[in-house]
Amino acid sequence: MKDKNFLKDRATFFPAGGEGKPKEERELSRAEALMEVQNCVRLLEETILSDGRSWVLGAEGGEGPTRADVEGVWVVHWLLTLPKPHNANAVDQAVINKERYPKTMAWVNRFDRFVNGLGDREGRVKGQKKEVKGVEETDPVVKVQGLKRGDVVEVYPTDSGSGFRDRGRLVGVDEREVVWENEKGVRVHAPRLGFRVVGVKGRASL
């Protein structure tokens, strides 16, 4: 948190209340962010986890966490598990605690225990490797750009961080996700929601 390059990078994502802003403005931005986190925790506590289920999808999700849990837990888990002294600056314990949100805090701890108990995590991840679909020709974005498997594309978020773009060769795309292979041969997955896929015409090199 004291690394100037890191702070500069974050400031390009969230310029309001970033580094260089008055202390009062930074504190206000932090307080507003904490309220957003609290709203998310309250949603989990009073709706999704209100019936006492162990995991987000309940019985339909099986005996362990699913992708739905991963998508829901990471922000709260990250804030609660930051090492000292950063943890005290991230979450006000008087606002988010197990007394006010017992079901949500129990869910976060349950997820943490599950992950720590996996053992050979690498083997498990490989065993659950998802088959990548091809390029869906009827996809509106694919049609309007004439995209085909192997085309060079740029993928980037449509909200914060849109100036940071990944590039690679298109492997697959459907209504749920886009998959591309970068210059190091790593296949990267991104959801369609909140991300833009643009063909790189005339600049085919990676």
N, C-alpha and C. Protein backbone atom coordinates (compact mmCIF):
# COMPACT_ATOMS: atom_id res chain seq x y z
N MET A 1 0.82 -1.21 0.00
CA MET A 1 0.00 0.00 0.00
C MET A 1 0.86 1.27 0.00
N LYS A 2 2.16 1.12 0.23
CA LYS A 2 3.04 2.28 0.22
C LYS A 2 3.82 2.39 -1.09
N ASP A 3 3.60 1.42 -1.99
CA ASP A 3 4.30 1.42 -3.26
C ASP A 3 3.72 2.51 -4.16
N LYS A 4 4.54 3.48 -4.57
CA LYS A 4 4.04 4.61 -5.37
C LYS A 4 3.51 4.16 -6.72
N ASN A 5 4.14 3.14 -7.32
CA ASN A 5 3.65 2.64 -8.61
C ASN A 5 2.28 2.01 -8.48
N PHE A 6 2.08 1.27 -7.37
CA PHE A 6 0.77 0.66 -7.13
C PHE A 6 -0.29 1.74 -6.94
N LEU A 7 0.00 2.75 -6.14
CA LEU A 7 -0.96 3.81 -5.88
C LEU A 7 -1.28 4.60 -7.14
N LYS A 8 -0.26 4.81 -7.98
CA LYS A 8 -0.48 5.52 -9.24
C LYS A 8 -1.38 4.70 -10.15
N ASP A 9 -1.16 3.38 -10.18
CA ASP A 9 -1.98 2.49 -11.00
C ASP A 9 -3.43 2.52 -10.54
N ARG A 10 -3.64 2.46 -9.21
CA ARG A 10 -5.01 2.49 -8.69
C ARG A 10 -5.68 3.84 -8.97
N ALA A 11 -4.88 4.91 -8.96
CA ALA A 11 -5.45 6.23 -9.19
C ALA A 11 -6.00 6.36 -10.60
N THR A 12 -5.41 5.62 -11.58
CA THR A 12 -5.93 5.67 -12.94
C THR A 12 -7.27 4.96 -13.05
N PHE A 13 -7.52 4.02 -12.14
CA PHE A 13 -8.80 3.33 -12.11
C PHE A 13 -9.85 4.17 -11.41
N PHE A 14 -9.49 4.71 -10.28
CA PHE A 14 -10.43 5.45 -9.44
C PHE A 14 -9.83 6.81 -9.08
N PRO A 15 -9.86 7.75 -10.03
CA PRO A 15 -9.21 9.05 -9.78
C PRO A 15 -9.80 9.84 -8.63
N ALA A 16 -11.09 9.70 -8.38
CA ALA A 16 -11.70 10.45 -7.28
C ALA A 16 -11.22 9.91 -5.94
N GLY A 17 -10.63 10.75 -5.14
CA GLY A 17 -10.17 10.33 -3.83
C GLY A 17 -8.88 9.55 -3.86
N GLY A 18 -8.15 9.59 -4.99
CA GLY A 18 -6.92 8.85 -5.10
C GLY A 18 -5.73 9.59 -4.52
N GLU A 19 -4.54 9.05 -4.81
CA GLU A 19 -3.31 9.66 -4.31
C GLU A 19 -3.20 11.09 -4.81
N GLY A 20 -2.80 11.99 -3.95
CA GLY A 20 -2.68 13.39 -4.32
C GLY A 20 -3.90 14.21 -3.99
N LYS A 21 -4.99 13.54 -3.65
CA LYS A 21 -6.21 14.25 -3.26
C LYS A 21 -6.12 14.64 -1.78
N PRO A 22 -6.88 15.64 -1.36
CA PRO A 22 -6.88 16.02 0.06
C PRO A 22 -7.28 14.85 0.95
N LYS A 23 -6.74 14.83 2.15
CA LYS A 23 -7.01 13.76 3.09
C LYS A 23 -8.50 13.58 3.34
N GLU A 24 -9.23 14.69 3.46
CA GLU A 24 -10.67 14.61 3.72
C GLU A 24 -11.39 13.90 2.59
N GLU A 25 -10.97 14.16 1.34
CA GLU A 25 -11.61 13.53 0.19
C GLU A 25 -11.30 12.04 0.14
N ARG A 26 -10.06 11.68 0.48
CA ARG A 26 -9.70 10.26 0.50
C ARG A 26 -10.50 9.52 1.57
N GLU A 27 -10.65 10.14 2.73
CA GLU A 27 -11.40 9.50 3.81
C GLU A 27 -12.87 9.35 3.44
N LEU A 28 -13.42 10.35 2.74
CA LEU A 28 -14.81 10.26 2.31
C LEU A 28 -14.98 9.14 1.30
N SER A 29 -14.05 9.02 0.36
CA SER A 29 -14.12 7.95 -0.64
C SER A 29 -14.05 6.58 0.02
N ARG A 30 -13.17 6.47 1.05
CA ARG A 30 -13.06 5.21 1.78
C ARG A 30 -14.36 4.87 2.49
N ALA A 31 -14.98 5.88 3.11
CA ALA A 31 -16.24 5.66 3.81
C ALA A 31 -17.34 5.24 2.86
N GLU A 32 -17.39 5.84 1.69
CA GLU A 32 -18.39 5.48 0.68
C GLU A 32 -18.18 4.05 0.19
N ALA A 33 -16.90 3.68 0.01
CA ALA A 33 -16.59 2.32 -0.41
C ALA A 33 -17.01 1.31 0.64
N LEU A 34 -16.79 1.65 1.90
CA LEU A 34 -17.17 0.76 2.99
C LEU A 34 -18.68 0.56 3.02
N MET A 35 -19.43 1.61 2.72
CA MET A 35 -20.88 1.49 2.66
C MET A 35 -21.31 0.55 1.55
N GLU A 36 -20.61 0.59 0.41
CA GLU A 36 -20.93 -0.32 -0.69
C GLU A 36 -20.67 -1.76 -0.28
N VAL A 37 -19.55 -1.99 0.42
CA VAL A 37 -19.25 -3.34 0.90
C VAL A 37 -20.32 -3.80 1.89
N GLN A 38 -20.71 -2.90 2.78
CA GLN A 38 -21.74 -3.24 3.76
C GLN A 38 -23.06 -3.59 3.07
N ASN A 39 -23.41 -2.87 2.01
CA ASN A 39 -24.63 -3.18 1.26
C ASN A 39 -24.57 -4.58 0.67
N CYS A 40 -23.39 -4.96 0.16
CA CYS A 40 -23.22 -6.30 -0.40
C CYS A 40 -23.37 -7.36 0.69
N VAL A 41 -22.75 -7.11 1.85
CA VAL A 41 -22.82 -8.05 2.96
C VAL A 41 -24.26 -8.18 3.45
N ARG A 42 -24.97 -7.07 3.51
CA ARG A 42 -26.37 -7.10 3.94
C ARG A 42 -27.23 -7.90 2.95
N LEU A 43 -26.96 -7.74 1.66
CA LEU A 43 -27.69 -8.51 0.65
C LEU A 43 -27.48 -10.00 0.85
N LEU A 44 -26.24 -10.39 1.09
CA LEU A 44 -25.94 -11.80 1.35
C LEU A 44 -26.67 -12.28 2.60
N GLU A 45 -26.60 -11.51 3.65
CA GLU A 45 -27.15 -11.90 4.95
C GLU A 45 -28.67 -12.03 4.90
N GLU A 46 -29.34 -11.07 4.26
CA GLU A 46 -30.79 -10.97 4.35
C GLU A 46 -31.53 -11.64 3.19
N THR A 47 -30.81 -12.07 2.16
CA THR A 47 -31.47 -12.72 1.03
C THR A 47 -30.85 -14.08 0.72
N ILE A 48 -29.68 -14.06 0.10
CA ILE A 48 -29.08 -15.30 -0.41
C ILE A 48 -28.81 -16.32 0.69
N LEU A 49 -28.27 -15.89 1.82
CA LEU A 49 -27.91 -16.81 2.90
C LEU A 49 -28.92 -16.82 4.04
N SER A 50 -30.03 -16.14 3.86
CA SER A 50 -30.98 -15.96 4.96
C SER A 50 -31.63 -17.25 5.43
N ASP A 51 -31.71 -18.27 4.56
CA ASP A 51 -32.36 -19.52 4.95
C ASP A 51 -31.40 -20.50 5.62
N GLY A 52 -30.14 -20.06 5.86
CA GLY A 52 -29.19 -20.90 6.57
C GLY A 52 -28.39 -21.85 5.70
N ARG A 53 -28.49 -21.70 4.38
CA ARG A 53 -27.75 -22.59 3.48
C ARG A 53 -26.24 -22.42 3.66
N SER A 54 -25.50 -23.46 3.36
CA SER A 54 -24.05 -23.41 3.50
C SER A 54 -23.38 -22.70 2.35
N TRP A 55 -23.95 -22.87 1.14
CA TRP A 55 -23.36 -22.29 -0.07
C TRP A 55 -24.42 -21.55 -0.86
N VAL A 56 -23.99 -20.68 -1.74
CA VAL A 56 -24.90 -19.79 -2.45
C VAL A 56 -26.01 -20.54 -3.18
N LEU A 57 -25.67 -21.63 -3.86
CA LEU A 57 -26.68 -22.37 -4.62
C LEU A 57 -27.42 -23.41 -3.79
N GLY A 58 -27.11 -23.49 -2.51
CA GLY A 58 -27.80 -24.42 -1.63
C GLY A 58 -27.63 -25.86 -2.07
N ALA A 59 -28.69 -26.65 -1.96
CA ALA A 59 -28.64 -28.07 -2.30
C ALA A 59 -28.34 -28.29 -3.79
N GLU A 60 -28.75 -27.35 -4.63
CA GLU A 60 -28.53 -27.49 -6.07
C GLU A 60 -27.05 -27.42 -6.43
N GLY A 61 -26.25 -26.81 -5.57
CA GLY A 61 -24.83 -26.66 -5.86
C GLY A 61 -23.97 -27.81 -5.40
N GLY A 62 -24.54 -28.80 -4.71
CA GLY A 62 -23.77 -29.92 -4.21
C GLY A 62 -23.27 -29.67 -2.80
N GLU A 63 -22.23 -30.40 -2.42
CA GLU A 63 -21.74 -30.35 -1.04
C GLU A 63 -20.68 -29.29 -0.80
N GLY A 64 -20.20 -28.67 -1.85
CA GLY A 64 -19.14 -27.67 -1.68
C GLY A 64 -19.46 -26.39 -2.42
N PRO A 65 -18.56 -25.42 -2.36
CA PRO A 65 -18.78 -24.15 -3.05
C PRO A 65 -18.72 -24.31 -4.56
N THR A 66 -19.42 -23.43 -5.25
CA THR A 66 -19.40 -23.40 -6.70
C THR A 66 -18.84 -22.07 -7.16
N ARG A 67 -18.87 -21.86 -8.46
CA ARG A 67 -18.39 -20.58 -9.01
C ARG A 67 -19.19 -19.42 -8.43
N ALA A 68 -20.46 -19.67 -8.12
CA ALA A 68 -21.29 -18.61 -7.53
C ALA A 68 -20.71 -18.13 -6.21
N ASP A 69 -20.17 -19.05 -5.41
CA ASP A 69 -19.54 -18.68 -4.15
C ASP A 69 -18.26 -17.90 -4.39
N VAL A 70 -17.48 -18.34 -5.37
CA VAL A 70 -16.22 -17.64 -5.67
C VAL A 70 -16.49 -16.21 -6.08
N GLU A 71 -17.50 -16.03 -6.96
CA GLU A 71 -17.83 -14.69 -7.44
C GLU A 71 -18.34 -13.79 -6.31
N GLY A 72 -19.02 -14.39 -5.34
CA GLY A 72 -19.62 -13.61 -4.28
C GLY A 72 -18.70 -13.35 -3.10
N VAL A 73 -17.75 -14.24 -2.85
CA VAL A 73 -17.01 -14.17 -1.59
C VAL A 73 -15.73 -13.36 -1.67
N TRP A 74 -15.19 -13.18 -2.87
CA TRP A 74 -13.80 -12.73 -2.94
C TRP A 74 -13.56 -11.34 -2.35
N VAL A 75 -14.48 -10.39 -2.57
CA VAL A 75 -14.24 -9.04 -2.05
C VAL A 75 -14.23 -9.03 -0.52
N VAL A 76 -15.26 -9.64 0.07
CA VAL A 76 -15.35 -9.67 1.53
C VAL A 76 -14.19 -10.47 2.12
N HIS A 77 -13.90 -11.61 1.52
CA HIS A 77 -12.79 -12.45 2.00
C HIS A 77 -11.48 -11.69 1.94
N TRP A 78 -11.23 -11.01 0.84
CA TRP A 78 -9.98 -10.26 0.66
C TRP A 78 -9.85 -9.17 1.72
N LEU A 79 -10.92 -8.43 1.94
CA LEU A 79 -10.86 -7.34 2.92
C LEU A 79 -10.65 -7.87 4.34
N LEU A 80 -11.30 -8.98 4.66
CA LEU A 80 -11.21 -9.51 6.01
C LEU A 80 -9.89 -10.22 6.30
N THR A 81 -9.19 -10.64 5.26
CA THR A 81 -7.96 -11.40 5.47
C THR A 81 -6.70 -10.61 5.13
N LEU A 82 -6.84 -9.30 4.89
CA LEU A 82 -5.65 -8.48 4.66
C LEU A 82 -4.74 -8.53 5.89
N PRO A 83 -3.43 -8.61 5.70
CA PRO A 83 -2.52 -8.64 6.85
C PRO A 83 -2.46 -7.29 7.55
N LYS A 84 -2.06 -7.33 8.80
CA LYS A 84 -1.90 -6.09 9.56
C LYS A 84 -0.78 -5.26 8.96
N PRO A 85 -0.84 -3.94 8.98
CA PRO A 85 -1.90 -3.10 9.56
C PRO A 85 -3.00 -2.76 8.57
N HIS A 86 -2.92 -3.32 7.34
CA HIS A 86 -3.87 -2.92 6.29
C HIS A 86 -5.30 -3.35 6.59
N ASN A 87 -5.46 -4.44 7.36
CA ASN A 87 -6.82 -4.92 7.63
C ASN A 87 -7.63 -3.90 8.42
N ALA A 88 -6.99 -3.21 9.34
CA ALA A 88 -7.70 -2.22 10.15
C ALA A 88 -8.16 -1.04 9.31
N ASN A 89 -7.44 -0.78 8.22
CA ASN A 89 -7.79 0.34 7.35
C ASN A 89 -8.81 -0.04 6.29
N ALA A 90 -9.03 -1.34 6.09
CA ALA A 90 -9.92 -1.80 5.03
C ALA A 90 -11.36 -1.93 5.50
N VAL A 91 -11.57 -2.56 6.64
CA VAL A 91 -12.93 -2.83 7.13
C VAL A 91 -13.06 -2.37 8.57
N ASP A 92 -14.03 -1.54 8.83
CA ASP A 92 -14.33 -1.11 10.19
C ASP A 92 -15.07 -2.24 10.90
N GLN A 93 -14.43 -2.84 11.89
CA GLN A 93 -15.01 -3.99 12.58
C GLN A 93 -16.33 -3.64 13.26
N ALA A 94 -16.55 -2.37 13.54
CA ALA A 94 -17.82 -1.97 14.14
C ALA A 94 -18.95 -1.99 13.13
N VAL A 95 -18.61 -1.99 11.84
CA VAL A 95 -19.61 -1.99 10.77
C VAL A 95 -19.88 -3.39 10.25
N ILE A 96 -18.82 -4.15 10.00
CA ILE A 96 -18.95 -5.50 9.46
C ILE A 96 -18.32 -6.48 10.44
N ASN A 97 -19.16 -7.27 11.11
CA ASN A 97 -18.68 -8.23 12.09
C ASN A 97 -19.65 -9.40 12.19
N LYS A 98 -19.24 -10.45 12.92
CA LYS A 98 -20.05 -11.66 13.00
C LYS A 98 -21.31 -11.48 13.83
N GLU A 99 -21.34 -10.47 14.68
CA GLU A 99 -22.55 -10.23 15.46
C GLU A 99 -23.65 -9.64 14.58
N ARG A 100 -23.29 -8.75 13.68
CA ARG A 100 -24.28 -8.12 12.81
C ARG A 100 -24.62 -8.99 11.60
N TYR A 101 -23.63 -9.73 11.12
CA TYR A 101 -23.82 -10.55 9.92
C TYR A 101 -23.29 -11.96 10.15
N PRO A 102 -23.91 -12.72 11.04
CA PRO A 102 -23.38 -14.04 11.40
C PRO A 102 -23.37 -15.04 10.25
N LYS A 103 -24.40 -15.05 9.42
CA LYS A 103 -24.47 -16.01 8.32
C LYS A 103 -23.40 -15.73 7.28
N THR A 104 -23.20 -14.46 6.98
CA THR A 104 -22.20 -14.10 5.97
C THR A 104 -20.79 -14.37 6.47
N MET A 105 -20.50 -14.01 7.72
CA MET A 105 -19.17 -14.26 8.26
C MET A 105 -18.88 -15.76 8.35
N ALA A 106 -19.90 -16.55 8.70
CA ALA A 106 -19.73 -18.00 8.77
C ALA A 106 -19.47 -18.57 7.38
N TRP A 107 -20.14 -18.02 6.38
CA TRP A 107 -19.95 -18.45 4.99
C TRP A 107 -18.53 -18.16 4.51
N VAL A 108 -18.02 -16.96 4.82
CA VAL A 108 -16.65 -16.60 4.44
C VAL A 108 -15.65 -17.54 5.10
N ASN A 109 -15.83 -17.81 6.39
CA ASN A 109 -14.93 -18.72 7.11
C ASN A 109 -15.02 -20.14 6.57
N ARG A 110 -16.23 -20.56 6.21
CA ARG A 110 -16.45 -21.90 5.66
C ARG A 110 -15.72 -22.04 4.32
N PHE A 111 -15.82 -21.01 3.49
CA PHE A 111 -15.13 -21.01 2.20
C PHE A 111 -13.62 -21.07 2.40
N ASP A 112 -13.12 -20.30 3.35
CA ASP A 112 -11.69 -20.27 3.64
C ASP A 112 -11.19 -21.64 4.08
N ARG A 113 -11.94 -22.30 4.95
CA ARG A 113 -11.55 -23.64 5.42
C ARG A 113 -11.58 -24.65 4.28
N PHE A 114 -12.57 -24.53 3.42
CA PHE A 114 -12.68 -25.46 2.29
C PHE A 114 -11.46 -25.34 1.37
N VAL A 115 -11.11 -24.11 1.02
CA VAL A 115 -9.98 -23.89 0.11
C VAL A 115 -8.68 -24.35 0.75
N ASN A 116 -8.49 -24.03 2.03
CA ASN A 116 -7.25 -24.42 2.71
C ASN A 116 -7.14 -25.93 2.89
N GLY A 117 -8.27 -26.63 2.82
CA GLY A 117 -8.26 -28.07 2.99
C GLY A 117 -8.22 -28.86 1.70
N LEU A 118 -8.03 -28.18 0.57
CA LEU A 118 -8.07 -28.89 -0.71
C LEU A 118 -6.89 -29.82 -0.91
N GLY A 119 -5.75 -29.49 -0.33
CA GLY A 119 -4.58 -30.35 -0.53
C GLY A 119 -3.94 -30.05 -1.87
N ASP A 120 -4.02 -31.01 -2.79
CA ASP A 120 -3.41 -30.85 -4.11
C ASP A 120 -4.31 -29.97 -4.96
N ARG A 121 -4.21 -28.67 -4.77
CA ARG A 121 -5.11 -27.76 -5.48
C ARG A 121 -4.86 -27.79 -6.98
N GLU A 122 -3.58 -27.88 -7.39
CA GLU A 122 -3.27 -27.83 -8.82
C GLU A 122 -3.92 -29.00 -9.53
N GLY A 123 -3.83 -30.19 -8.92
CA GLY A 123 -4.44 -31.36 -9.54
C GLY A 123 -5.95 -31.23 -9.65
N ARG A 124 -6.57 -30.65 -8.65
CA ARG A 124 -8.01 -30.47 -8.68
C ARG A 124 -8.43 -29.49 -9.76
N VAL A 125 -7.66 -28.42 -9.87
CA VAL A 125 -8.00 -27.43 -10.89
C VAL A 125 -7.88 -28.03 -12.29
N LYS A 126 -6.81 -28.79 -12.53
CA LYS A 126 -6.63 -29.41 -13.83
C LYS A 126 -7.75 -30.40 -14.12
N GLY A 127 -8.18 -31.09 -13.09
CA GLY A 127 -9.24 -32.08 -13.28
C GLY A 127 -10.57 -31.46 -13.62
N GLN A 128 -10.74 -30.17 -13.30
CA GLN A 128 -11.99 -29.48 -13.57
C GLN A 128 -11.87 -28.55 -14.77
N LYS A 129 -10.88 -28.78 -15.61
CA LYS A 129 -10.66 -27.91 -16.75
C LYS A 129 -11.89 -27.88 -17.65
N LYS A 130 -12.31 -26.69 -18.00
CA LYS A 130 -13.52 -26.50 -18.78
C LYS A 130 -13.21 -26.58 -20.27
N GLU A 131 -14.04 -27.27 -20.99
CA GLU A 131 -13.88 -27.36 -22.43
C GLU A 131 -14.26 -26.02 -23.07
N VAL A 132 -13.39 -25.53 -23.91
CA VAL A 132 -13.63 -24.24 -24.54
C VAL A 132 -14.44 -24.43 -25.81
N LYS A 133 -15.55 -23.72 -25.91
CA LYS A 133 -16.37 -23.77 -27.11
C LYS A 133 -15.70 -22.97 -28.21
N GLY A 134 -16.18 -23.15 -29.43
CA GLY A 134 -15.64 -22.39 -30.54
C GLY A 134 -16.25 -21.00 -30.62
N VAL A 135 -16.03 -20.33 -31.72
CA VAL A 135 -16.57 -19.00 -31.92
C VAL A 135 -18.01 -19.11 -32.41
N GLU A 136 -18.93 -18.56 -31.63
CA GLU A 136 -20.35 -18.63 -31.97
C GLU A 136 -20.65 -17.64 -33.08
N GLU A 137 -20.91 -18.17 -34.29
CA GLU A 137 -21.07 -17.31 -35.46
C GLU A 137 -22.30 -16.42 -35.39
N THR A 138 -23.32 -16.81 -34.62
CA THR A 138 -24.53 -16.00 -34.53
C THR A 138 -24.44 -14.90 -33.47
N ASP A 139 -23.34 -14.87 -32.73
CA ASP A 139 -23.16 -13.82 -31.73
C ASP A 139 -23.13 -12.46 -32.43
N PRO A 140 -23.93 -11.49 -31.95
CA PRO A 140 -24.00 -10.19 -32.63
C PRO A 140 -22.65 -9.50 -32.80
N VAL A 141 -21.79 -9.56 -31.75
CA VAL A 141 -20.48 -8.91 -31.83
C VAL A 141 -19.58 -9.62 -32.83
N VAL A 142 -19.67 -10.94 -32.85
CA VAL A 142 -18.88 -11.72 -33.81
C VAL A 142 -19.32 -11.41 -35.24
N LYS A 143 -20.63 -11.34 -35.45
CA LYS A 143 -21.17 -11.10 -36.80
C LYS A 143 -20.78 -9.73 -37.32
N VAL A 144 -20.93 -8.69 -36.49
CA VAL A 144 -20.68 -7.34 -36.98
C VAL A 144 -19.20 -7.10 -37.29
N GLN A 145 -18.32 -7.88 -36.63
CA GLN A 145 -16.88 -7.71 -36.87
C GLN A 145 -16.30 -8.79 -37.76
N GLY A 146 -17.10 -9.83 -38.05
CA GLY A 146 -16.60 -10.93 -38.87
C GLY A 146 -15.49 -11.71 -38.21
N LEU A 147 -15.57 -11.87 -36.89
CA LEU A 147 -14.50 -12.53 -36.15
C LEU A 147 -14.49 -14.03 -36.39
N LYS A 148 -13.28 -14.59 -36.41
CA LYS A 148 -13.10 -16.03 -36.57
C LYS A 148 -12.03 -16.50 -35.58
N ARG A 149 -12.05 -17.77 -35.28
CA ARG A 149 -11.05 -18.35 -34.39
C ARG A 149 -9.66 -18.05 -34.92
N GLY A 150 -8.77 -17.58 -34.07
CA GLY A 150 -7.41 -17.26 -34.46
C GLY A 150 -7.19 -15.79 -34.76
N ASP A 151 -8.29 -15.02 -34.90
CA ASP A 151 -8.15 -13.59 -35.12
C ASP A 151 -7.56 -12.92 -33.87
N VAL A 152 -6.78 -11.87 -34.09
CA VAL A 152 -6.25 -11.11 -32.97
C VAL A 152 -7.33 -10.18 -32.45
N VAL A 153 -7.56 -10.22 -31.15
CA VAL A 153 -8.58 -9.38 -30.53
C VAL A 153 -8.00 -8.68 -29.31
N GLU A 154 -8.65 -7.58 -28.94
CA GLU A 154 -8.38 -6.91 -27.67
C GLU A 154 -9.61 -7.04 -26.80
N VAL A 155 -9.39 -7.35 -25.53
CA VAL A 155 -10.50 -7.51 -24.58
C VAL A 155 -10.22 -6.59 -23.40
N TYR A 156 -11.23 -5.82 -23.01
CA TYR A 156 -11.03 -4.89 -21.91
C TYR A 156 -12.36 -4.57 -21.24
N PRO A 157 -12.32 -4.19 -19.96
CA PRO A 157 -13.56 -3.87 -19.24
C PRO A 157 -14.18 -2.59 -19.78
N THR A 158 -15.49 -2.50 -19.67
CA THR A 158 -16.19 -1.33 -20.19
C THR A 158 -16.40 -0.25 -19.14
N ASP A 159 -16.03 -0.55 -17.87
CA ASP A 159 -16.17 0.48 -16.83
C ASP A 159 -14.79 0.96 -16.41
N SER A 160 -14.38 0.70 -15.17
CA SER A 160 -13.07 1.13 -14.71
C SER A 160 -11.98 0.26 -15.31
N GLY A 161 -10.85 0.87 -15.62
CA GLY A 161 -9.73 0.11 -16.16
C GLY A 161 -9.81 -0.14 -17.65
N SER A 162 -10.66 0.60 -18.37
CA SER A 162 -10.83 0.34 -19.79
C SER A 162 -9.59 0.71 -20.61
N GLY A 163 -8.67 1.45 -19.99
CA GLY A 163 -7.43 1.80 -20.69
C GLY A 163 -6.41 0.67 -20.70
N PHE A 164 -6.66 -0.38 -19.92
CA PHE A 164 -5.75 -1.52 -19.85
C PHE A 164 -6.36 -2.67 -20.64
N ARG A 165 -5.74 -3.01 -21.78
CA ARG A 165 -6.34 -3.96 -22.71
C ARG A 165 -5.45 -5.18 -22.91
N ASP A 166 -6.08 -6.35 -22.87
CA ASP A 166 -5.37 -7.60 -23.14
C ASP A 166 -5.53 -7.93 -24.62
N ARG A 167 -4.49 -8.50 -25.18
CA ARG A 167 -4.54 -8.87 -26.60
C ARG A 167 -4.14 -10.32 -26.76
N GLY A 168 -4.75 -10.99 -27.71
CA GLY A 168 -4.41 -12.38 -27.99
C GLY A 168 -5.21 -12.90 -29.16
N ARG A 169 -5.03 -14.17 -29.47
CA ARG A 169 -5.75 -14.79 -30.57
C ARG A 169 -7.02 -15.45 -30.04
N LEU A 170 -8.12 -15.15 -30.69
CA LEU A 170 -9.43 -15.61 -30.27
C LEU A 170 -9.51 -17.13 -30.31
N VAL A 171 -9.92 -17.73 -29.20
CA VAL A 171 -10.09 -19.18 -29.10
C VAL A 171 -11.56 -19.54 -29.12
N GLY A 172 -12.36 -18.81 -28.36
CA GLY A 172 -13.79 -19.10 -28.31
C GLY A 172 -14.55 -17.92 -27.76
N VAL A 173 -15.82 -17.83 -28.17
CA VAL A 173 -16.67 -16.77 -27.65
C VAL A 173 -18.13 -17.20 -27.80
N ASP A 174 -18.90 -17.02 -26.72
CA ASP A 174 -20.34 -17.25 -26.76
C ASP A 174 -21.01 -16.19 -25.90
N GLU A 175 -22.27 -16.41 -25.54
CA GLU A 175 -22.98 -15.37 -24.80
C GLU A 175 -22.49 -15.22 -23.37
N ARG A 176 -21.71 -16.18 -22.86
CA ARG A 176 -21.26 -16.15 -21.48
C ARG A 176 -19.83 -15.64 -21.31
N GLU A 177 -18.92 -16.05 -22.20
CA GLU A 177 -17.53 -15.69 -22.01
C GLU A 177 -16.77 -15.59 -23.32
N VAL A 178 -15.60 -14.95 -23.24
CA VAL A 178 -14.67 -14.89 -24.36
C VAL A 178 -13.35 -15.48 -23.89
N VAL A 179 -12.72 -16.24 -24.75
CA VAL A 179 -11.45 -16.90 -24.42
C VAL A 179 -10.44 -16.54 -25.50
N TRP A 180 -9.25 -16.11 -25.07
CA TRP A 180 -8.19 -15.82 -26.02
C TRP A 180 -6.88 -16.36 -25.49
N GLU A 181 -5.92 -16.55 -26.40
CA GLU A 181 -4.60 -17.05 -26.03
C GLU A 181 -3.59 -15.94 -26.22
N ASN A 182 -2.87 -15.61 -25.14
CA ASN A 182 -1.92 -14.50 -25.24
C ASN A 182 -0.59 -14.96 -25.83
N GLU A 183 0.35 -14.03 -25.90
CA GLU A 183 1.63 -14.31 -26.56
C GLU A 183 2.45 -15.36 -25.84
N LYS A 184 2.13 -15.63 -24.57
CA LYS A 184 2.85 -16.65 -23.81
C LYS A 184 2.16 -18.01 -23.88
N GLY A 185 1.09 -18.09 -24.66
CA GLY A 185 0.38 -19.35 -24.81
C GLY A 185 -0.61 -19.65 -23.70
N VAL A 186 -0.89 -18.64 -22.86
CA VAL A 186 -1.84 -18.81 -21.76
C VAL A 186 -3.24 -18.43 -22.23
N ARG A 187 -4.21 -19.30 -21.97
CA ARG A 187 -5.58 -19.02 -22.34
C ARG A 187 -6.26 -18.24 -21.22
N VAL A 188 -6.80 -17.10 -21.58
CA VAL A 188 -7.43 -16.20 -20.63
C VAL A 188 -8.94 -16.18 -20.87
N HIS A 189 -9.70 -16.26 -19.77
CA HIS A 189 -11.16 -16.24 -19.84
C HIS A 189 -11.68 -14.95 -19.23
N ALA A 190 -12.69 -14.36 -19.86
CA ALA A 190 -13.35 -13.19 -19.31
C ALA A 190 -14.85 -13.31 -19.58
N PRO A 191 -15.67 -12.83 -18.66
CA PRO A 191 -17.11 -12.86 -18.90
C PRO A 191 -17.47 -11.86 -19.99
N ARG A 192 -18.58 -12.07 -20.68
CA ARG A 192 -19.03 -11.10 -21.67
C ARG A 192 -19.60 -9.87 -20.99
N LEU A 193 -20.26 -10.09 -19.86
CA LEU A 193 -20.85 -8.97 -19.13
C LEU A 193 -19.75 -8.05 -18.60
N GLY A 194 -19.77 -6.79 -19.05
CA GLY A 194 -18.79 -5.83 -18.56
C GLY A 194 -17.48 -5.82 -19.31
N PHE A 195 -17.37 -6.62 -20.39
CA PHE A 195 -16.14 -6.66 -21.18
C PHE A 195 -16.46 -6.48 -22.66
N ARG A 196 -15.54 -5.83 -23.35
CA ARG A 196 -15.70 -5.59 -24.78
C ARG A 196 -14.68 -6.40 -25.56
N VAL A 197 -15.11 -6.95 -26.70
CA VAL A 197 -14.25 -7.74 -27.58
C VAL A 197 -14.14 -7.00 -28.90
N VAL A 198 -12.91 -6.63 -29.28
CA VAL A 198 -12.70 -5.86 -30.50
C VAL A 198 -11.64 -6.53 -31.35
N GLY A 199 -11.96 -6.80 -32.59
CA GLY A 199 -10.99 -7.36 -33.52
C GLY A 199 -9.93 -6.33 -33.87
N VAL A 200 -8.68 -6.78 -33.96
CA VAL A 200 -7.57 -5.89 -34.27
C VAL A 200 -7.25 -6.05 -35.77
N LYS A 201 -7.80 -5.20 -36.58
CA LYS A 201 -7.61 -5.27 -38.03
C LYS A 201 -6.34 -4.52 -38.43
N GLY A 202 -5.58 -5.14 -39.29
CA GLY A 202 -4.38 -4.48 -39.80
C GLY A 202 -3.23 -4.48 -38.81
N ARG A 203 -3.43 -5.07 -37.60
CA ARG A 203 -2.35 -5.16 -36.61
C ARG A 203 -2.35 -6.56 -36.02
N ALA A 204 -2.12 -7.54 -36.90
CA ALA A 204 -2.30 -8.93 -36.52
C ALA A 204 -1.24 -9.48 -35.59
N SER A 205 -0.12 -8.78 -35.45
CA SER A 205 0.95 -9.30 -34.61
C SER A 205 0.60 -9.11 -33.13
N LEU A 206 1.05 -10.06 -32.29
CA LEU A 206 0.87 -9.96 -30.85
C LEU A 206 2.03 -9.20 -30.22
